[in-house]
Amino acid sequence: MWVVSTVMQTLVAIVGLVVVLFALGQAIGTDLLGMTAQALSTQTGQWLVIAVVAFIGMGAAMRAMRFTRA
């Protein structure tokens, strides 16, 4: 059950971030989504993505420990 919850929360956060970037980009007349995609396509951006995935994995593991202890 905790796996589904973690996946859903992660997906909602990602979709929310995309919507906010799109809306802000439209409001100020800049392609923020494109700029973000370009930044994440660099080697540093790829390492940042790996770090975020690792943090999500650690959060899921901590959640699993909470559910198994209860």
Protein backbone atom coordinates (compact mmCIF):
# COMPACT_ATOMS: atom_id res chain seq x y z
CA MET A 1 0.00 0.00 0.00
CA TRP A 2 2.82 2.43 0.80
CA VAL A 3 4.34 1.85 -2.65
CA VAL A 4 1.18 2.99 -4.41
CA SER A 5 0.92 6.01 -2.14
CA THR A 6 4.54 7.01 -2.75
CA VAL A 7 4.21 6.59 -6.52
CA MET A 8 0.98 8.60 -6.63
CA GLN A 9 2.41 11.43 -4.52
CA THR A 10 5.50 11.56 -6.73
CA LEU A 11 3.43 11.64 -9.92
CA VAL A 12 1.17 14.38 -8.55
CA ALA A 13 4.21 16.44 -7.56
CA ILE A 14 5.80 16.05 -11.01
CA VAL A 15 2.58 16.92 -12.85
CA GLY A 16 2.09 19.90 -10.54
CA LEU A 17 5.61 21.14 -11.22
CA VAL A 18 5.10 20.83 -14.98
CA VAL A 19 1.81 22.74 -14.80
CA VAL A 20 3.37 25.50 -12.68
CA LEU A 21 6.34 25.83 -15.04
CA PHE A 22 4.01 25.97 -18.04
CA ALA A 23 1.72 28.55 -16.42
CA LEU A 24 4.60 30.77 -15.30
CA GLY A 25 6.16 30.48 -18.74
CA GLN A 26 2.92 31.57 -20.37
CA ALA A 27 2.53 34.45 -17.90
CA ILE A 28 5.98 35.90 -18.53
CA GLY A 29 6.28 34.88 -22.17
CA THR A 30 9.21 32.49 -21.75
CA ASP A 31 9.54 28.77 -22.47
CA LEU A 32 10.33 27.61 -18.93
CA LEU A 33 9.58 23.97 -19.75
CA GLY A 34 12.04 24.04 -22.64
CA MET A 35 14.69 25.72 -20.50
CA THR A 36 14.16 23.12 -17.78
CA ALA A 37 14.42 20.28 -20.31
CA GLN A 38 17.65 21.75 -21.68
CA ALA A 39 19.08 22.10 -18.18
CA LEU A 40 18.18 18.50 -17.31
CA SER A 41 19.72 17.20 -20.54
CA THR A 42 23.19 18.34 -19.43
CA GLN A 43 25.45 16.03 -17.45
CA THR A 44 24.89 18.04 -14.26
CA GLY A 45 21.14 17.93 -14.83
CA GLN A 46 21.26 14.17 -15.24
CA TRP A 47 23.09 13.84 -11.93
CA LEU A 48 20.46 16.06 -10.31
CA VAL A 49 17.74 13.76 -11.64
CA ILE A 50 19.59 10.75 -10.22
CA ALA A 51 19.85 12.51 -6.84
CA VAL A 52 16.11 13.28 -6.81
CA VAL A 53 15.28 9.67 -7.67
CA ALA A 54 17.56 8.54 -4.83
CA PHE A 55 15.77 10.87 -2.40
CA ILE A 56 12.41 9.49 -3.51
CA GLY A 57 13.74 5.96 -2.98
CA MET A 58 14.98 6.83 0.50
CA GLY A 59 11.62 8.39 1.32
CA ALA A 60 9.85 5.25 0.15
CA ALA A 61 12.16 3.07 2.26
CA MET A 62 11.54 5.22 5.34
CA ARG A 63 7.82 4.98 4.71
CA ALA A 64 8.05 1.20 4.42
CA MET A 65 9.87 1.03 7.75
CA ARG A 66 7.13 3.12 9.38
CA PHE A 67 4.42 0.81 8.03
CA THR A 68 6.21 -2.38 9.09
CA ARG A 69 6.82 -1.10 12.63
CA ALA A 70 3.20 -0.10 13.19
